[in-house]
Amino acid sequence: MFVVARNPNHLELRPMTQLRLLGLSGSLRRASNSTAVLRSLQDALAPKVRLDIFSLHGVPLYNEDEDGEHAPESVHALRSAIETTEA
């Protein structure tokens, strides 16, 4: 698949890159229906879309006193996952 890129001087065709999405399940349960839906979407969207599923297990409730550079590693990992996806 190709996308048309507008250049001030001309139009060009460039290969379309894989869209990266981040999926967050609202349930921590092992047999979660929400996570099962995300896994099904992961398979259905491939190969045009990459859906990364991030587990919220270990991510604490928000506490501003423990945010910023003092945030737990799980929070840094979630932020990193968010930064590396398009949606």
N, C-alpha and C. Protein backbone atom coordinates (compact mmCIF):
# COMPACT_ATOMS: atom_id res chain seq x y z
N MET A 1 0.84 -1.17 0.00
CA MET A 1 0.00 0.00 0.00
C MET A 1 0.90 1.24 0.00
N PHE A 2 0.45 2.26 -0.71
CA PHE A 2 1.24 3.48 -0.82
C PHE A 2 0.41 4.67 -0.37
N VAL A 3 1.09 5.70 0.09
CA VAL A 3 0.45 6.94 0.48
C VAL A 3 1.04 8.06 -0.38
N VAL A 4 0.21 9.02 -0.73
CA VAL A 4 0.68 10.16 -1.52
C VAL A 4 1.16 11.23 -0.55
N ALA A 5 2.41 11.63 -0.70
CA ALA A 5 2.99 12.65 0.16
C ALA A 5 3.08 13.95 -0.61
N ARG A 6 2.58 15.02 -0.03
CA ARG A 6 2.62 16.32 -0.70
C ARG A 6 3.96 16.99 -0.43
N ASN A 7 4.62 17.27 -1.49
CA ASN A 7 5.90 17.96 -1.45
C ASN A 7 5.66 19.30 -2.15
N PRO A 8 6.27 20.39 -1.68
CA PRO A 8 6.04 21.69 -2.34
C PRO A 8 6.32 21.68 -3.84
N ASN A 9 7.22 20.83 -4.30
CA ASN A 9 7.60 20.81 -5.71
C ASN A 9 6.85 19.77 -6.53
N HIS A 10 6.42 18.66 -5.90
CA HIS A 10 5.74 17.60 -6.65
C HIS A 10 5.07 16.62 -5.68
N LEU A 11 4.27 15.73 -6.24
CA LEU A 11 3.66 14.67 -5.45
C LEU A 11 4.52 13.43 -5.57
N GLU A 12 4.64 12.68 -4.49
CA GLU A 12 5.41 11.45 -4.56
C GLU A 12 4.68 10.32 -3.86
N LEU A 13 4.90 9.11 -4.34
CA LEU A 13 4.34 7.93 -3.71
C LEU A 13 5.39 7.34 -2.78
N ARG A 14 4.98 7.10 -1.52
CA ARG A 14 5.88 6.48 -0.57
C ARG A 14 5.19 5.26 0.02
N PRO A 15 5.96 4.23 0.35
CA PRO A 15 5.34 3.08 0.99
C PRO A 15 4.72 3.49 2.33
N MET A 16 3.52 2.98 2.59
CA MET A 16 2.84 3.29 3.83
C MET A 16 3.43 2.42 4.94
N THR A 17 3.78 3.04 6.05
CA THR A 17 4.35 2.29 7.16
C THR A 17 3.22 1.69 8.00
N GLN A 18 3.57 0.70 8.77
CA GLN A 18 2.59 0.04 9.62
C GLN A 18 2.16 0.97 10.75
N LEU A 19 0.86 1.12 10.91
CA LEU A 19 0.31 1.94 11.97
C LEU A 19 0.46 1.20 13.29
N ARG A 20 0.93 1.89 14.33
CA ARG A 20 1.11 1.27 15.64
C ARG A 20 0.07 1.81 16.61
N LEU A 21 -0.69 0.89 17.20
CA LEU A 21 -1.70 1.24 18.19
C LEU A 21 -1.34 0.61 19.52
N LEU A 22 -1.84 1.22 20.60
CA LEU A 22 -1.62 0.68 21.94
C LEU A 22 -2.97 0.32 22.53
N GLY A 23 -3.09 -0.92 22.98
CA GLY A 23 -4.33 -1.39 23.60
C GLY A 23 -4.15 -1.54 25.10
N LEU A 24 -5.08 -0.97 25.86
CA LEU A 24 -5.07 -1.09 27.32
C LEU A 24 -6.35 -1.77 27.74
N SER A 25 -6.22 -2.90 28.41
CA SER A 25 -7.40 -3.62 28.89
C SER A 25 -7.82 -3.04 30.24
N GLY A 26 -9.11 -2.91 30.42
CA GLY A 26 -9.64 -2.39 31.67
C GLY A 26 -9.71 -3.44 32.77
N SER A 27 -9.24 -4.63 32.49
CA SER A 27 -9.33 -5.72 33.47
C SER A 27 -7.96 -6.36 33.66
N LEU A 28 -7.65 -6.71 34.89
CA LEU A 28 -6.39 -7.39 35.20
C LEU A 28 -6.57 -8.90 35.31
N ARG A 29 -7.79 -9.37 35.22
CA ARG A 29 -8.11 -10.78 35.38
C ARG A 29 -7.45 -11.59 34.27
N ARG A 30 -6.91 -12.77 34.61
CA ARG A 30 -6.24 -13.63 33.64
C ARG A 30 -7.14 -13.97 32.45
N ALA A 31 -8.40 -14.31 32.73
CA ALA A 31 -9.34 -14.70 31.66
C ALA A 31 -10.24 -13.53 31.27
N SER A 32 -9.68 -12.34 31.23
CA SER A 32 -10.43 -11.13 30.95
C SER A 32 -11.03 -11.13 29.54
N ASN A 33 -12.32 -10.81 29.46
CA ASN A 33 -12.97 -10.67 28.16
C ASN A 33 -12.41 -9.48 27.39
N SER A 34 -12.11 -8.40 28.11
CA SER A 34 -11.56 -7.20 27.46
C SER A 34 -10.22 -7.49 26.80
N THR A 35 -9.37 -8.23 27.50
CA THR A 35 -8.07 -8.59 26.94
C THR A 35 -8.25 -9.54 25.77
N ALA A 36 -9.22 -10.44 25.86
CA ALA A 36 -9.50 -11.38 24.76
C ALA A 36 -9.92 -10.62 23.51
N VAL A 37 -10.73 -9.58 23.68
CA VAL A 37 -11.14 -8.76 22.53
C VAL A 37 -9.92 -8.08 21.91
N LEU A 38 -9.04 -7.54 22.75
CA LEU A 38 -7.83 -6.89 22.23
C LEU A 38 -6.97 -7.89 21.45
N ARG A 39 -6.84 -9.10 21.97
CA ARG A 39 -6.04 -10.12 21.26
C ARG A 39 -6.67 -10.47 19.91
N SER A 40 -8.00 -10.54 19.87
CA SER A 40 -8.68 -10.81 18.60
C SER A 40 -8.46 -9.67 17.61
N LEU A 41 -8.52 -8.44 18.11
CA LEU A 41 -8.26 -7.28 17.25
C LEU A 41 -6.83 -7.31 16.74
N GLN A 42 -5.91 -7.71 17.59
CA GLN A 42 -4.50 -7.79 17.23
C GLN A 42 -4.33 -8.68 15.99
N ASP A 43 -4.99 -9.83 16.01
CA ASP A 43 -4.91 -10.75 14.87
C ASP A 43 -5.64 -10.21 13.65
N ALA A 44 -6.80 -9.61 13.86
CA ALA A 44 -7.62 -9.13 12.74
C ALA A 44 -6.99 -7.93 12.03
N LEU A 45 -6.27 -7.10 12.75
CA LEU A 45 -5.69 -5.89 12.18
C LEU A 45 -4.35 -6.12 11.48
N ALA A 46 -3.67 -7.19 11.86
CA ALA A 46 -2.36 -7.48 11.26
C ALA A 46 -2.55 -7.82 9.78
N PRO A 47 -1.63 -7.54 8.92
CA PRO A 47 -0.32 -6.93 9.13
C PRO A 47 -0.31 -5.42 8.92
N LYS A 48 -1.44 -4.82 8.55
CA LYS A 48 -1.45 -3.38 8.27
C LYS A 48 -1.32 -2.54 9.53
N VAL A 49 -1.79 -3.09 10.66
CA VAL A 49 -1.76 -2.37 11.92
C VAL A 49 -1.10 -3.25 12.97
N ARG A 50 -0.21 -2.68 13.73
CA ARG A 50 0.40 -3.39 14.85
C ARG A 50 -0.27 -2.90 16.12
N LEU A 51 -0.95 -3.79 16.81
CA LEU A 51 -1.62 -3.46 18.08
C LEU A 51 -0.81 -4.07 19.21
N ASP A 52 -0.16 -3.21 19.98
CA ASP A 52 0.59 -3.65 21.16
C ASP A 52 -0.35 -3.59 22.36
N ILE A 53 -0.43 -4.67 23.11
CA ILE A 53 -1.28 -4.72 24.29
C ILE A 53 -0.40 -4.53 25.52
N PHE A 54 -0.70 -3.51 26.30
CA PHE A 54 0.09 -3.20 27.49
C PHE A 54 -0.72 -3.58 28.72
N SER A 55 -0.14 -4.41 29.56
CA SER A 55 -0.81 -4.82 30.79
C SER A 55 -0.67 -3.73 31.85
N LEU A 56 -1.77 -3.40 32.48
CA LEU A 56 -1.74 -2.40 33.54
C LEU A 56 -1.43 -3.03 34.90
N HIS A 57 -1.18 -4.33 34.90
CA HIS A 57 -0.82 -5.01 36.14
C HIS A 57 0.49 -4.42 36.65
N GLY A 58 0.50 -3.94 37.86
CA GLY A 58 1.71 -3.34 38.43
C GLY A 58 1.75 -1.83 38.31
N VAL A 59 0.84 -1.23 37.54
CA VAL A 59 0.77 0.23 37.44
C VAL A 59 -0.09 0.71 38.61
N PRO A 60 0.49 1.51 39.51
CA PRO A 60 -0.27 1.94 40.70
C PRO A 60 -1.28 3.03 40.38
N LEU A 61 -2.18 3.26 41.31
CA LEU A 61 -3.08 4.40 41.20
C LEU A 61 -2.23 5.67 41.17
N TYR A 62 -2.74 6.71 40.51
CA TYR A 62 -1.95 7.94 40.36
C TYR A 62 -1.75 8.64 41.69
N ASN A 63 -0.50 9.04 41.94
CA ASN A 63 -0.14 9.81 43.12
C ASN A 63 0.87 10.85 42.67
N GLU A 64 0.48 12.11 42.66
CA GLU A 64 1.35 13.17 42.17
C GLU A 64 2.67 13.24 42.95
N ASP A 65 2.64 12.86 44.23
CA ASP A 65 3.87 12.87 45.04
C ASP A 65 4.90 11.88 44.52
N GLU A 66 4.46 10.85 43.82
CA GLU A 66 5.37 9.83 43.31
C GLU A 66 5.48 9.87 41.79
N ASP A 67 5.19 11.04 41.21
CA ASP A 67 5.25 11.18 39.75
C ASP A 67 6.59 11.79 39.35
N GLY A 68 6.75 12.00 38.07
CA GLY A 68 7.98 12.58 37.55
C GLY A 68 9.13 11.60 37.61
N GLU A 69 10.29 12.06 38.05
CA GLU A 69 11.45 11.17 38.10
C GLU A 69 11.33 10.12 39.19
N HIS A 70 10.39 10.30 40.12
CA HIS A 70 10.19 9.33 41.20
C HIS A 70 9.13 8.29 40.87
N ALA A 71 8.59 8.34 39.67
CA ALA A 71 7.53 7.41 39.28
C ALA A 71 8.08 5.98 39.23
N PRO A 72 7.23 5.01 39.56
CA PRO A 72 7.66 3.60 39.48
C PRO A 72 8.02 3.21 38.05
N GLU A 73 8.83 2.18 37.91
CA GLU A 73 9.27 1.71 36.60
C GLU A 73 8.09 1.35 35.71
N SER A 74 7.02 0.79 36.29
CA SER A 74 5.85 0.41 35.49
C SER A 74 5.21 1.64 34.84
N VAL A 75 5.27 2.78 35.51
CA VAL A 75 4.72 4.02 34.96
C VAL A 75 5.61 4.52 33.82
N HIS A 76 6.92 4.44 34.00
CA HIS A 76 7.85 4.83 32.93
C HIS A 76 7.65 3.94 31.70
N ALA A 77 7.43 2.64 31.93
CA ALA A 77 7.20 1.71 30.81
C ALA A 77 5.92 2.06 30.06
N LEU A 78 4.86 2.41 30.79
CA LEU A 78 3.60 2.79 30.15
C LEU A 78 3.78 4.07 29.34
N ARG A 79 4.44 5.05 29.90
CA ARG A 79 4.68 6.30 29.17
C ARG A 79 5.48 6.06 27.91
N SER A 80 6.48 5.21 28.00
CA SER A 80 7.31 4.88 26.83
C SER A 80 6.45 4.19 25.76
N ALA A 81 5.58 3.28 26.17
CA ALA A 81 4.70 2.59 25.22
C ALA A 81 3.78 3.60 24.52
N ILE A 82 3.28 4.56 25.27
CA ILE A 82 2.39 5.58 24.69
C ILE A 82 3.15 6.44 23.69
N GLU A 83 4.38 6.81 24.02
CA GLU A 83 5.18 7.69 23.15
C GLU A 83 5.56 7.03 21.82
N THR A 84 5.63 5.71 21.80
CA THR A 84 6.09 5.02 20.59
C THR A 84 4.96 4.55 19.69
N THR A 85 3.73 4.95 19.99
CA THR A 85 2.60 4.55 19.15
C THR A 85 1.90 5.79 18.59
N GLU A 86 1.11 5.56 17.53
CA GLU A 86 0.38 6.67 16.91
C GLU A 86 -0.98 6.89 17.57
N ALA A 87 -1.53 5.87 18.14
CA ALA A 87 -2.85 6.01 18.76
C ALA A 87 -3.06 4.96 19.82
